[in-house]
Structures are given as C-alpha cells and as structure tokens.
Amino acid sequence: MSIHLTKYHDEVQSFIMNEMAWLQSFTAYPEVATELKTPCAFFQIEDFEISDVQKMNGTLSVDLSCEIIVVLGINNPFNQVEVRNAALALAIKVQGCRFGLPCVGAKFISASPDSLNEELDGYAAWSIKYSHQIEAGDDKYEPNFENITPHTVYVGFCPEIGRVHQDDYEQIVPINKIEPR
C-alpha cells in the first residue's frame, strides 16, 4: 500500500504527540520566530532515495532520512542530562516504529547534540536521526494554493511569449481590483 508524504508527516506527528505526553509541541519544518515553549520537538524529512529492494507492484520503495530535534530550555541545571534522556526516549520510540502506517519499522541511526541550528543556541537541543522505508506509489501532486492571492496578473499575446519578451507583457487588472477566490 502506498503512502503519501503528507500522510507520513501527519502520522509521525500524531504518534509522537500521543506517546510523548511531556512534549509541549511537535512541529514539522518549523519557522519559529518567538521564544519556544519547551520541551518541544521538530520533525523533518531531510531527503529520500530509492531503496535497494523494489516490490515491482507499481509503487516506488524509498528510504526516508528523517530527523527529530528535541529541545529543552536551559534554565534547568540538569538540562544536558535531561536532553539526552529525552533523545534516548525518542530513539527508543522510533526504533521499529511504523507510526500506524502499512510499512516496515523505522531504523534508529544516531542521536547527537544539535549545534547547526543557530536559532536554537539558547536551548539544549539534540538531533535524533532515523531511516524509514516506505512504498510511495501515489504520484498525485496537487499544490496547496489556499490563502495565496495573486498580486498582479500579466497577459502575453501569442506568439511573442517567454523570457525574452517579458517586458512586452501588459498589466490588465490593477492590483486593487483582484479579489480572493
């Protein structure tokens, strides 16, 4: 059975939040500009590549390279021990986990201090890396353009189209006349 990456993200987030009640939040690909409410964790799929074994059933087996970063505040004098305990707890949960999906279990790879994210310099943070093989047979991609309002509409008249003629385009709808759908 094929798994769409959106479903994968949703299931990982749901599983971790249900299993790790001590987490205040668990967010994928965060863009946090405010102080963090800790303890929290962040999730991302760093990359994926073709698996060595393919099932030949119309799906594509891929190995996901995933990362969970667990973050604790630095006000606790034992935060360095605590962040390691939190990372180990997450590693134990990840190892062999299917996250409720029809796939093989995930494989824990490593856990180490996260010193690459400058925005986490004021926190104790550890990175938990794991790989997960899934069947990705759903090739439907539908971009999510909700809440995106075009700000300018240009029209080109054939046959003079393309980059070399980009200055030939005329704005036909003023910016203040465009209404959201």
Protein backbone atom coordinates (compact mmCIF):
# COMPACT_ATOMS: atom_id res chain seq x y z
CA MET A 1 0.00 0.00 0.00
CA SER A 2 1.42 3.38 -0.98
CA ILE A 3 1.97 6.23 1.46
CA HIS A 4 1.81 9.91 0.55
CA LEU A 5 4.35 12.12 2.35
CA THR A 6 1.59 14.34 3.75
CA LYS A 7 0.08 11.26 5.41
CA TYR A 8 3.52 10.24 6.68
CA HIS A 9 4.09 13.64 8.34
CA ASP A 10 0.62 13.59 9.91
CA GLU A 11 1.04 10.09 11.33
CA VAL A 12 4.53 10.73 12.74
CA GLN A 13 3.34 13.93 14.43
CA SER A 14 0.22 12.29 15.83
CA PHE A 15 2.14 9.24 17.11
CA ILE A 16 4.91 11.24 18.80
CA MET A 17 2.49 13.66 20.48
CA ASN A 18 0.37 10.73 21.78
CA GLU A 19 3.38 8.73 23.01
CA MET A 20 5.41 11.60 24.45
CA ALA A 21 2.91 13.48 26.61
CA TRP A 22 5.74 15.58 28.09
CA LEU A 23 6.23 17.42 24.78
CA GLN A 24 4.59 20.86 24.59
CA SER A 25 4.61 20.75 20.78
CA PHE A 26 5.87 18.70 17.86
CA THR A 27 6.10 20.61 14.59
CA ALA A 28 7.31 19.72 11.10
CA TYR A 29 9.62 22.20 9.33
CA PRO A 30 9.11 24.96 11.89
CA GLU A 31 9.64 28.61 11.26
CA VAL A 32 9.51 29.83 14.81
CA ALA A 33 10.24 33.49 15.41
CA THR A 34 9.30 33.61 19.09
CA GLU A 35 10.58 32.05 22.28
CA LEU A 36 9.92 28.31 22.38
CA LYS A 37 7.68 26.63 24.91
CA THR A 38 9.83 23.68 25.96
CA PRO A 39 10.18 20.76 25.96
CA CYS A 40 9.32 20.56 22.28
CA ALA A 41 10.46 18.72 19.18
CA PHE A 42 10.77 19.41 15.48
CA PHE A 43 10.49 16.90 12.64
CA GLN A 44 11.76 16.88 9.08
CA ILE A 45 12.44 14.53 6.21
CA GLU A 46 15.96 15.51 5.23
CA ASP A 47 15.98 13.56 1.98
CA PHE A 48 14.96 10.27 0.41
CA GLU A 49 16.45 7.85 -2.08
CA ILE A 50 15.44 4.70 -3.89
CA SER A 51 15.51 1.56 -1.75
CA ASP A 52 17.75 -1.34 -2.73
CA VAL A 53 14.72 -3.65 -2.94
CA GLN A 54 11.71 -2.75 -5.10
CA LYS A 55 8.41 -4.64 -4.82
CA MET A 56 7.58 -4.40 -8.55
CA ASN A 57 3.93 -3.66 -7.77
CA GLY A 58 3.67 -0.20 -9.28
CA THR A 59 4.97 1.58 -6.19
CA LEU A 60 8.38 3.11 -5.59
CA SER A 61 10.17 1.96 -2.45
CA VAL A 62 12.10 4.86 -0.94
CA ASP A 63 14.28 5.20 2.13
CA LEU A 64 13.39 8.37 4.02
CA SER A 65 16.16 10.06 6.02
CA CYS A 66 14.34 11.68 8.94
CA GLU A 67 15.33 13.86 11.85
CA ILE A 68 13.65 14.78 15.11
CA ILE A 69 15.22 17.57 17.13
CA VAL A 70 14.25 17.58 20.80
CA VAL A 71 14.62 20.95 22.54
CA LEU A 72 14.71 21.79 26.25
CA GLY A 73 15.15 25.13 27.99
CA ILE A 74 18.45 25.98 29.61
CA ASN A 75 17.07 27.18 32.95
CA ASN A 76 17.27 23.68 34.44
CA PRO A 77 20.78 22.98 35.82
CA PHE A 78 20.38 19.34 34.70
CA ASN A 79 19.30 20.21 31.14
CA GLN A 80 22.25 18.46 29.49
CA VAL A 81 21.37 15.16 31.17
CA GLU A 82 17.66 15.74 30.58
CA VAL A 83 18.02 16.48 26.87
CA ARG A 84 20.00 13.26 26.46
CA ASN A 85 17.30 11.32 28.33
CA ALA A 86 14.66 12.89 26.08
CA ALA A 87 16.67 11.99 22.96
CA LEU A 88 17.06 8.41 24.18
CA ALA A 89 13.32 8.16 24.92
CA LEU A 90 12.56 9.33 21.36
CA ALA A 91 15.16 6.94 19.89
CA ILE A 92 13.52 4.02 21.71
CA LYS A 93 10.07 5.02 20.39
CA VAL A 94 11.35 5.45 16.81
CA GLN A 95 13.24 2.13 16.61
CA GLY A 96 11.00 -0.36 14.82
CA CYS A 97 8.03 2.04 14.83
CA ARG A 98 5.56 2.05 11.94
CA PHE A 99 3.67 5.14 13.17
CA GLY A 100 0.41 3.33 12.39
CA LEU A 101 1.29 3.05 8.69
CA PRO A 102 1.47 -0.05 6.47
CA CYS A 103 5.27 -0.23 6.20
CA VAL A 104 8.33 -1.82 7.77
CA GLY A 105 9.59 -0.42 11.06
CA ALA A 106 11.85 2.61 11.20
CA LYS A 107 15.57 2.20 11.96
CA PHE A 108 17.19 4.43 14.55
CA ILE A 109 20.57 5.68 13.25
CA SER A 110 22.03 8.12 15.76
CA ALA A 111 21.48 10.86 18.32
CA SER A 112 23.84 13.77 18.89
CA PRO A 113 23.90 17.37 20.06
CA ASP A 114 22.31 19.72 17.54
CA SER A 115 24.70 22.61 17.09
CA LEU A 116 23.87 23.51 13.49
CA ASN A 117 20.66 25.45 14.14
CA GLU A 118 21.74 28.91 15.26
CA GLU A 119 18.17 29.74 16.29
CA LEU A 120 18.43 27.02 18.97
CA ASP A 121 21.64 28.38 20.54
CA GLY A 122 19.76 29.43 23.69
CA TYR A 123 18.41 25.91 24.23
CA ALA A 124 19.63 22.39 24.88
CA ALA A 125 18.92 20.52 21.63
CA TRP A 126 19.66 17.00 20.39
CA SER A 127 19.10 15.53 16.95
CA ILE A 128 17.67 12.01 16.55
CA LYS A 129 18.20 10.58 13.06
CA TYR A 130 16.39 7.58 11.63
CA SER A 131 15.61 5.99 8.30
CA HIS A 132 12.29 4.59 7.20
CA GLN A 133 11.45 2.59 4.09
CA ILE A 134 8.01 3.29 2.64
CA GLU A 135 6.14 2.48 -0.55
CA ALA A 136 5.42 5.75 -2.35
CA GLY A 137 3.03 4.90 -5.16
CA ASP A 138 0.82 7.97 -5.06
CA ASP A 139 2.12 10.29 -7.76
CA LYS A 140 -0.71 12.77 -7.41
CA TYR A 141 0.63 16.19 -6.61
CA GLU A 142 -1.83 18.98 -6.08
CA PRO A 143 -0.22 22.20 -4.89
CA ASN A 144 -1.90 23.87 -1.96
CA PHE A 145 -2.54 27.46 -3.00
CA GLU A 146 -5.05 28.28 -0.27
CA ASN A 147 -4.75 31.78 1.13
CA ILE A 148 -2.47 32.86 -1.71
CA THR A 149 -3.87 35.85 -3.53
CA PRO A 150 -2.22 36.86 -6.78
CA HIS A 151 -1.00 40.42 -6.59
CA THR A 152 -0.54 41.13 -10.29
CA VAL A 153 -1.87 39.48 -13.47
CA TYR A 154 0.02 39.78 -16.76
CA VAL A 155 -1.03 38.56 -20.20
CA GLY A 156 1.17 37.83 -23.20
CA PHE A 157 -0.21 37.80 -26.71
CA CYS A 158 0.95 34.93 -28.94
CA PRO A 159 3.33 34.21 -30.42
CA GLU A 160 5.63 36.62 -28.55
CA ILE A 161 5.92 34.79 -25.22
CA GLY A 162 8.68 33.68 -22.89
CA ARG A 163 11.53 35.34 -21.02
CA VAL A 164 12.90 37.24 -23.98
CA HIS A 165 9.53 39.02 -24.26
CA GLN A 166 8.83 39.54 -20.54
CA ASP A 167 8.90 43.31 -20.97
CA ASP A 168 6.22 43.03 -23.69
CA TYR A 169 3.56 41.99 -21.14
CA GLU A 170 0.85 44.43 -20.01
CA GLN A 171 -0.85 44.54 -16.64
CA ILE A 172 -4.59 44.17 -17.36
CA VAL A 173 -6.03 44.09 -13.84
CA PRO A 174 -4.97 46.74 -11.31
CA ILE A 175 -3.70 45.35 -8.03
CA ASN A 176 -6.59 46.76 -6.01
CA LYS A 177 -9.19 45.09 -8.30
CA ILE A 178 -8.09 41.48 -7.63
CA GLU A 179 -10.40 39.74 -5.21
CA PRO A 180 -9.64 36.48 -3.38
CA ARG A 181 -11.49 33.39 -4.51
